Amino acid sequence: MAVAKSGRSWFAWRRTVTGWCFGIGVVGPPPDHWIYEGPEPPEGSPRAGTDWKPGDFGQDTEAE
């Protein structure tokens, strides 16, 4: 996990037992969310133009 000195942005990633990497992060005020998945860890914090993608986790959804 990495947190900016300002404490206003962060990201974390984890390699699974199968070797695949997943990450989550925030670089702006809510509802800013980013997700990552790939064979290697992310190369830094979330930003456009990288393998990080805007996420939609944590959104209110209706139960089916």
PDB file of N, CA and C in Angstrom:
ATOM      1  N   MET A   1       0.858  -1.175   0.000  1.00  0.00           N
ATOM      2  CA  MET A   1       0.000   0.000   0.000  1.00  0.00           C
ATOM      3  C   MET A   1       0.895   1.226   0.000  1.00  0.00           C
ATOM      4  N   ALA A   2       0.475   2.237  -0.746  1.00  0.00           N
ATOM      5  CA  ALA A   2       1.187   3.515  -0.781  1.00  0.00           C
ATOM      6  C   ALA A   2       0.182   4.637  -0.574  1.00  0.00           C
ATOM      7  N   VAL A   3       0.550   5.585   0.274  1.00  0.00           N
ATOM      8  CA  VAL A   3      -0.304   6.738   0.571  1.00  0.00           C
ATOM      9  C   VAL A   3       0.491   7.999   0.270  1.00  0.00           C
ATOM     10  N   ALA A   4      -0.136   8.952  -0.417  1.00  0.00           N
ATOM     11  CA  ALA A   4       0.523  10.220  -0.726  1.00  0.00           C
ATOM     12  C   ALA A   4       0.825  10.975   0.567  1.00  0.00           C
ATOM     13  N   LYS A   5       1.840  11.801   0.548  1.00  0.00           N
ATOM     14  CA  LYS A   5       2.191  12.590   1.735  1.00  0.00           C
ATOM     15  C   LYS A   5       1.024  13.423   2.238  1.00  0.00           C
ATOM     16  N   SER A   6       0.174  13.877   1.316  1.00  0.00           N
ATOM     17  CA  SER A   6      -1.001  14.669   1.698  1.00  0.00           C
ATOM     18  C   SER A   6      -2.073  13.814   2.373  1.00  0.00           C
ATOM     19  N   GLY A   7      -1.993  12.493   2.199  1.00  0.00           N
ATOM     20  CA  GLY A   7      -2.995  11.590   2.751  1.00  0.00           C
ATOM     21  C   GLY A   7      -4.289  11.573   1.961  1.00  0.00           C
ATOM     22  N   ARG A   8      -4.325  12.247   0.822  1.00  0.00           N
ATOM     23  CA  ARG A   8      -5.560  12.359   0.045  1.00  0.00           C
ATOM     24  C   ARG A   8      -5.648  11.371  -1.110  1.00  0.00           C
ATOM     25  N   SER A   9      -4.603  10.607  -1.360  1.00  0.00           N
ATOM     26  CA  SER A   9      -4.668   9.572  -2.383  1.00  0.00           C
ATOM     27  C   SER A   9      -3.881   8.356  -1.911  1.00  0.00           C
ATOM     28  N   TRP A  10      -4.264   7.189  -2.417  1.00  0.00           N
ATOM     29  CA  TRP A  10      -3.615   5.951  -2.009  1.00  0.00           C
ATOM     30  C   TRP A  10      -3.886   4.871  -3.051  1.00  0.00           C
ATOM     31  N   PHE A  11      -3.091   3.836  -3.019  1.00  0.00           N
ATOM     32  CA  PHE A  11      -3.382   2.639  -3.793  1.00  0.00           C
ATOM     33  C   PHE A  11      -2.742   1.447  -3.094  1.00  0.00           C
ATOM     34  N   ALA A  12      -3.301   0.284  -3.366  1.00  0.00           N
ATOM     35  CA  ALA A  12      -2.786  -0.965  -2.801  1.00  0.00           C
ATOM     36  C   ALA A  12      -2.967  -2.058  -3.841  1.00  0.00           C
ATOM     37  N   TRP A  13      -2.059  -3.014  -3.834  1.00  0.00           N
ATOM     38  CA  TRP A  13      -2.191  -4.152  -4.735  1.00  0.00           C
ATOM     39  C   TRP A  13      -1.759  -5.411  -4.007  1.00  0.00           C
ATOM     40  N   ARG A  14      -2.179  -6.535  -4.567  1.00  0.00           N
ATOM     41  CA  ARG A  14      -1.869  -7.835  -3.973  1.00  0.00           C
ATOM     42  C   ARG A  14      -1.709  -8.867  -5.080  1.00  0.00           C
ATOM     43  N   ARG A  15      -0.708  -9.724  -4.951  1.00  0.00           N
ATOM     44  CA  ARG A  15      -0.539 -10.831  -5.887  1.00  0.00           C
ATOM     45  C   ARG A  15      -1.247 -12.047  -5.293  1.00  0.00           C
ATOM     46  N   THR A  16      -2.087 -12.716  -6.089  1.00  0.00           N
ATOM     47  CA  THR A  16      -2.815 -13.889  -5.613  1.00  0.00           C
ATOM     48  C   THR A  16      -1.912 -15.126  -5.665  1.00  0.00           C
ATOM     49  N   VAL A  17      -2.388 -16.227  -5.109  1.00  0.00           N
ATOM     50  CA  VAL A  17      -1.612 -17.463  -5.122  1.00  0.00           C
ATOM     51  C   VAL A  17      -1.393 -17.979  -6.541  1.00  0.00           C
ATOM     52  N   THR A  18      -2.244 -17.565  -7.470  1.00  0.00           N
ATOM     53  CA  THR A  18      -2.073 -17.965  -8.869  1.00  0.00           C
ATOM     54  C   THR A  18      -1.097 -17.060  -9.611  1.00  0.00           C
ATOM     55  N   GLY A  19      -0.664 -15.973  -8.964  1.00  0.00           N
ATOM     56  CA  GLY A  19       0.286 -15.057  -9.582  1.00  0.00           C
ATOM     57  C   GLY A  19      -0.319 -13.803 -10.186  1.00  0.00           C
ATOM     58  N   TRP A  20      -1.640 -13.719 -10.278  1.00  0.00           N
ATOM     59  CA  TRP A  20      -2.302 -12.554 -10.862  1.00  0.00           C
ATOM     60  C   TRP A  20      -2.325 -11.423  -9.842  1.00  0.00           C
ATOM     61  N   CYS A  21      -2.230 -10.178 -10.293  1.00  0.00           N
ATOM     62  CA  CYS A  21      -2.209  -9.016  -9.403  1.00  0.00           C
ATOM     63  C   CYS A  21      -3.501  -8.214  -9.525  1.00  0.00           C
ATOM     64  N   PHE A  22      -4.022  -7.801  -8.378  1.00  0.00           N
ATOM     65  CA  PHE A  22      -5.213  -6.951  -8.316  1.00  0.00           C
ATOM     66  C   PHE A  22      -4.883  -5.726  -7.484  1.00  0.00           C
ATOM     67  N   GLY A  23      -5.442  -4.573  -7.863  1.00  0.00           N
ATOM     68  CA  GLY A  23      -5.199  -3.355  -7.105  1.00  0.00           C
ATOM     69  C   GLY A  23      -6.443  -2.489  -7.035  1.00  0.00           C
ATOM     70  N   ILE A  24      -6.463  -1.619  -6.034  1.00  0.00           N
ATOM     71  CA  ILE A  24      -7.505  -0.613  -5.879  1.00  0.00           C
ATOM     72  C   ILE A  24      -6.830   0.689  -5.498  1.00  0.00           C
ATOM     73  N   GLY A  25      -7.478   1.808  -5.772  1.00  0.00           N
ATOM     74  CA  GLY A  25      -6.883   3.075  -5.410  1.00  0.00           C
ATOM     75  C   GLY A  25      -7.849   4.238  -5.558  1.00  0.00           C
ATOM     76  N   VAL A  26      -7.447   5.361  -4.989  1.00  0.00           N
ATOM     77  CA  VAL A  26      -8.203   6.607  -5.026  1.00  0.00           C
ATOM     78  C   VAL A  26      -7.204   7.739  -5.206  1.00  0.00           C
ATOM     79  N   VAL A  27      -7.485   8.658  -6.128  1.00  0.00           N
ATOM     80  CA  VAL A  27      -6.596   9.804  -6.324  1.00  0.00           C
ATOM     81  C   VAL A  27      -7.337  11.137  -6.256  1.00  0.00           C
ATOM     82  N   GLY A  28      -8.614  11.092  -6.001  1.00  0.00           N
ATOM     83  CA  GLY A  28      -9.412  12.302  -5.909  1.00  0.00           C
ATOM     84  C   GLY A  28     -10.550  12.101  -4.934  1.00  0.00           C
ATOM     85  N   PRO A  29     -11.356  13.131  -4.753  1.00  0.00           N
ATOM     86  CA  PRO A  29     -12.484  13.008  -3.833  1.00  0.00           C
ATOM     87  C   PRO A  29     -13.528  12.032  -4.368  1.00  0.00           C
ATOM     88  N   PRO A  30     -14.355  11.461  -3.480  1.00  0.00           N
ATOM     89  CA  PRO A  30     -15.397  10.538  -3.919  1.00  0.00           C
ATOM     90  C   PRO A  30     -16.246  11.195  -5.013  1.00  0.00           C
ATOM     91  N   PRO A  31     -16.641  10.440  -5.978  1.00  0.00           N
ATOM     92  CA  PRO A  31     -16.639   8.983  -6.090  1.00  0.00           C
ATOM     93  C   PRO A  31     -15.445   8.425  -6.877  1.00  0.00           C
ATOM     94  N   ASP A  32     -14.275   9.011  -6.794  1.00  0.00           N
ATOM     95  CA  ASP A  32     -13.105   8.557  -7.537  1.00  0.00           C
ATOM     96  C   ASP A  32     -12.648   7.190  -7.036  1.00  0.00           C
ATOM     97  N   HIS A  33     -12.672   6.191  -7.924  1.00  0.00           N
ATOM     98  CA  HIS A  33     -12.217   4.831  -7.608  1.00  0.00           C
ATOM     99  C   HIS A  33     -11.467   4.294  -8.815  1.00  0.00           C
ATOM    100  N   TRP A  34     -10.399   3.551  -8.593  1.00  0.00           N
ATOM    101  CA  TRP A  34      -9.643   2.931  -9.669  1.00  0.00           C
ATOM    102  C   TRP A  34      -9.415   1.470  -9.328  1.00  0.00           C
ATOM    103  N   ILE A  35      -9.369   0.623 -10.371  1.00  0.00           N
ATOM    104  CA  ILE A  35      -9.091  -0.797 -10.185  1.00  0.00           C
ATOM    105  C   ILE A  35      -7.986  -1.219 -11.147  1.00  0.00           C
ATOM    106  N   TYR A  36      -7.284  -2.260 -10.771  1.00  0.00           N
ATOM    107  CA  TYR A  36      -6.184  -2.765 -11.583  1.00  0.00           C
ATOM    108  C   TYR A  36      -6.206  -4.282 -11.550  1.00  0.00           C
ATOM    109  N   GLU A  37      -5.872  -4.899 -12.674  1.00  0.00           N
ATOM    110  CA  GLU A  37      -5.607  -6.338 -12.685  1.00  0.00           C
ATOM    111  C   GLU A  37      -4.637  -6.623 -13.820  1.00  0.00           C
ATOM    112  N   GLY A  38      -3.701  -7.516 -13.548  1.00  0.00           N
ATOM    113  CA  GLY A  38      -2.718  -7.864 -14.557  1.00  0.00           C
ATOM    114  C   GLY A  38      -1.722  -8.877 -14.042  1.00  0.00           C
ATOM    115  N   PRO A  39      -0.849  -9.351 -14.919  1.00  0.00           N
ATOM    116  CA  PRO A  39       0.118 -10.377 -14.531  1.00  0.00           C
ATOM    117  C   PRO A  39       1.276  -9.840 -13.681  1.00  0.00           C
ATOM    118  N   GLU A  40       1.491  -8.528 -13.705  1.00  0.00           N
ATOM    119  CA  GLU A  40       2.545  -7.891 -12.917  1.00  0.00           C
ATOM    120  C   GLU A  40       1.942  -6.772 -12.080  1.00  0.00           C
ATOM    121  N   PRO A  41       2.592  -6.369 -10.996  1.00  0.00           N
ATOM    122  CA  PRO A  41       2.074  -5.270 -10.172  1.00  0.00           C
ATOM    123  C   PRO A  41       1.972  -3.972 -10.970  1.00  0.00           C
ATOM    124  N   PRO A  42       1.086  -3.060 -10.549  1.00  0.00           N
ATOM    125  CA  PRO A  42       0.986  -1.770 -11.227  1.00  0.00           C
ATOM    126  C   PRO A  42       2.284  -0.980 -11.075  1.00  0.00           C
ATOM    127  N   GLU A  43       2.572  -0.144 -12.051  1.00  0.00           N
ATOM    128  CA  GLU A  43       3.785   0.676 -12.019  1.00  0.00           C
ATOM    129  C   GLU A  43       3.475   2.067 -11.486  1.00  0.00           C
ATOM    130  N   GLY A  44       2.972   2.150 -10.281  1.00  0.00           N
ATOM    131  CA  GLY A  44       2.674   3.437  -9.668  1.00  0.00           C
ATOM    132  C   GLY A  44       1.196   3.638  -9.435  1.00  0.00           C
ATOM    133  N   SER A  45       0.874   4.853  -9.017  1.00  0.00           N
ATOM    134  CA  SER A  45      -0.488   5.174  -8.617  1.00  0.00           C
ATOM    135  C   SER A  45      -1.435   5.241  -9.807  1.00  0.00           C
ATOM    136  N   PRO A  46      -2.744   5.151  -9.530  1.00  0.00           N
ATOM    137  CA  PRO A  46      -3.747   5.194 -10.591  1.00  0.00           C
ATOM    138  C   PRO A  46      -3.706   6.509 -11.368  1.00  0.00           C
ATOM    139  N   ARG A  47      -3.836   6.395 -12.680  1.00  0.00           N
ATOM    140  CA  ARG A  47      -3.947   7.572 -13.535  1.00  0.00           C
ATOM    141  C   ARG A  47      -4.386   7.112 -14.925  1.00  0.00           C
ATOM    142  N   ALA A  48      -4.979   8.021 -15.665  1.00  0.00           N
ATOM    143  CA  ALA A  48      -5.407   7.727 -17.028  1.00  0.00           C
ATOM    144  C   ALA A  48      -4.183   7.429 -17.886  1.00  0.00           C
ATOM    145  N   GLY A  49      -4.366   6.589 -18.883  1.00  0.00           N
ATOM    146  CA  GLY A  49      -3.278   6.253 -19.780  1.00  0.00           C
ATOM    147  C   GLY A  49      -2.399   5.122 -19.282  1.00  0.00           C
ATOM    148  N   THR A  50      -2.781   4.494 -18.189  1.00  0.00           N
ATOM    149  CA  THR A  50      -2.058   3.340 -17.653  1.00  0.00           C
ATOM    150  C   THR A  50      -2.996   2.141 -17.647  1.00  0.00           C
ATOM    151  N   ASP A  51      -2.571   1.056 -17.047  1.00  0.00           N
ATOM    152  CA  ASP A  51      -3.433  -0.129 -16.951  1.00  0.00           C
ATOM    153  C   ASP A  51      -4.491  -0.012 -15.861  1.00  0.00           C
ATOM    154  N   TRP A  52      -4.478   1.069 -15.096  1.00  0.00           N
ATOM    155  CA  TRP A  52      -5.533   1.320 -14.120  1.00  0.00           C
ATOM    156  C   TRP A  52      -6.797   1.716 -14.877  1.00  0.00           C
ATOM    157  N   LYS A  53      -7.956   1.251 -14.393  1.00  0.00           N
ATOM    158  CA  LYS A  53      -9.244   1.564 -15.005  1.00  0.00           C
ATOM    159  C   LYS A  53     -10.153   2.214 -13.971  1.00  0.00           C
ATOM    160  N   PRO A  54     -10.991   3.173 -14.390  1.00  0.00           N
ATOM    161  CA  PRO A  54     -11.970   3.726 -13.444  1.00  0.00           C
ATOM    162  C   PRO A  54     -12.852   2.603 -12.924  1.00  0.00           C
ATOM    163  N   GLY A  55     -13.049   2.561 -11.630  1.00  0.00           N
ATOM    164  CA  GLY A  55     -13.838   1.492 -11.023  1.00  0.00           C
ATOM    165  C   GLY A  55     -15.227   1.941 -10.661  1.00  0.00           C
ATOM    166  N   ASP A  56     -16.081   0.981 -10.392  1.00  0.00           N
ATOM    167  CA  ASP A  56     -17.440   1.290  -9.970  1.00  0.00           C
ATOM    168  C   ASP A  56     -17.801   0.556  -8.688  1.00  0.00           C
ATOM    169  N   PHE A  57     -16.784   0.086  -7.944  1.00  0.00           N
ATOM    170  CA  PHE A  57     -17.085  -0.616  -6.708  1.00  0.00           C
ATOM    171  C   PHE A  57     -17.570   0.365  -5.656  1.00  0.00           C
ATOM    172  N   GLY A  58     -18.353  -0.136  -4.726  1.00  0.00           N
ATOM    173  CA  GLY A  58     -18.860   0.701  -3.646  1.00  0.00           C
ATOM    174  C   GLY A  58     -20.077   1.516  -4.010  1.00  0.00           C
ATOM    175  N   GLN A  59     -20.600   1.351  -5.214  1.00  0.00           N
ATOM    176  CA  GLN A  59     -21.783   2.096  -5.612  1.00  0.00           C
ATOM    177  C   GLN A  59     -23.015   1.390  -5.063  1.00  0.00           C
ATOM    178  N   ASP A  60     -24.041   2.176  -4.740  1.00  0.00           N
ATOM    179  CA  ASP A  60     -25.288   1.590  -4.272  1.00  0.00           C
ATOM    180  C   ASP A  60     -25.948   0.833  -5.411  1.00  0.00           C
ATOM    181  N   THR A  61     -26.314  -0.395  -5.156  1.00  0.00           N
ATOM    182  CA  THR A  61     -27.039  -1.195  -6.136  1.00  0.00           C
ATOM    183  C   THR A  61     -28.189  -1.892  -5.437  1.00  0.00           C
ATOM    184  N   GLU A  62     -29.221  -2.198  -6.197  1.00  0.00           N
ATOM    185  CA  GLU A  62     -30.365  -2.906  -5.638  1.00  0.00           C
ATOM    186  C   GLU A  62     -30.078  -4.394  -5.605  1.00  0.00           C
ATOM    187  N   ALA A  63     -30.474  -5.042  -4.526  1.00  0.00           N
ATOM    188  CA  ALA A  63     -30.309  -6.500  -4.424  1.00  0.00           C
ATOM    189  C   ALA A  63     -31.304  -7.177  -5.354  1.00  0.00           C
ATOM    190  N   GLU A  64     -30.853  -8.237  -5.975  1.00  0.00           N
ATOM    191  CA  GLU A  64     -31.758  -8.962  -6.888  1.00  0.00           C
ATOM    192  C   GLU A  64     -32.438 -10.090  -6.169  1.00  0.00           C
TER     193      GLU A  64
END
